Amino acid sequence: MVFAFTTFAIGIFMHHYTLRLNHTTKKVYNRLITERFVLILAVSFPLLKFFSSDIL
């Protein structure tokens, strides 16, 4: 539950962050989208491993 909420909160925050920078060029915007997914993956995997090992 905590994991899902944290991921959701990060996703919402980064979504608003990228929308705020929507006036920039398409290239920069695409780069931000890529960095957002990389950031979410980088945060999600350690948390997922931690919670799954905690449950098991």
Protein backbone atom coordinates (compact mmCIF):
# COMPACT_ATOMS: atom_id res chain seq x y z
CA MET A 1 0.00 0.00 0.00
CA VAL A 2 2.80 2.37 0.95
CA PHE A 3 4.73 1.35 -2.17
CA ALA A 4 1.74 2.02 -4.43
CA PHE A 5 1.02 5.39 -2.83
CA THR A 6 4.67 6.48 -3.04
CA THR A 7 4.92 5.53 -6.71
CA PHE A 8 1.61 7.30 -7.43
CA ALA A 9 2.73 10.46 -5.61
CA ILE A 10 6.05 10.54 -7.47
CA GLY A 11 4.25 10.01 -10.78
CA ILE A 12 1.83 12.88 -10.11
CA PHE A 13 4.65 15.20 -9.01
CA MET A 14 6.81 14.46 -12.05
CA HIS A 15 3.78 14.76 -14.35
CA HIS A 16 3.04 18.28 -13.12
CA TYR A 17 6.76 19.10 -13.30
CA THR A 18 6.97 18.10 -16.97
CA LEU A 19 3.72 19.93 -17.77
CA ARG A 20 5.12 23.09 -16.21
CA LEU A 21 8.07 22.88 -18.61
CA ASN A 22 5.83 22.22 -21.60
CA HIS A 23 6.88 25.53 -23.21
CA THR A 24 10.38 24.18 -23.84
CA THR A 25 11.44 22.49 -27.05
CA LYS A 26 10.13 19.08 -28.06
CA LYS A 27 13.58 17.55 -27.71
CA VAL A 28 13.99 18.71 -24.12
CA TYR A 29 10.43 17.64 -23.29
CA ASN A 30 11.04 14.14 -24.63
CA ARG A 31 14.25 13.96 -22.63
CA LEU A 32 12.35 14.91 -19.47
CA ILE A 33 9.79 12.18 -20.10
CA THR A 34 12.59 9.65 -20.50
CA GLU A 35 14.28 10.86 -17.31
CA ARG A 36 10.94 10.63 -15.49
CA PHE A 37 10.54 6.95 -16.37
CA VAL A 38 14.17 6.24 -15.46
CA LEU A 39 13.69 7.99 -12.12
CA ILE A 40 10.51 6.03 -11.35
CA LEU A 41 12.23 2.76 -12.26
CA ALA A 42 15.29 3.66 -10.20
CA VAL A 43 13.09 4.41 -7.18
CA SER A 44 10.64 1.54 -7.70
CA PHE A 45 13.03 -1.40 -7.98
CA PRO A 46 14.82 -0.93 -4.61
CA LEU A 47 11.49 -0.29 -2.88
CA LEU A 48 9.90 -3.31 -4.55
CA LYS A 49 12.83 -5.52 -3.55
CA PHE A 50 12.69 -4.17 0.02
CA PHE A 51 8.94 -4.71 0.47
CA SER A 52 8.93 -8.10 -1.25
CA SER A 53 11.78 -9.36 0.95
CA ASP A 54 10.00 -7.89 3.98
CA ILE A 55 6.82 -9.81 3.12
CA LEU A 56 8.65 -13.04 2.38
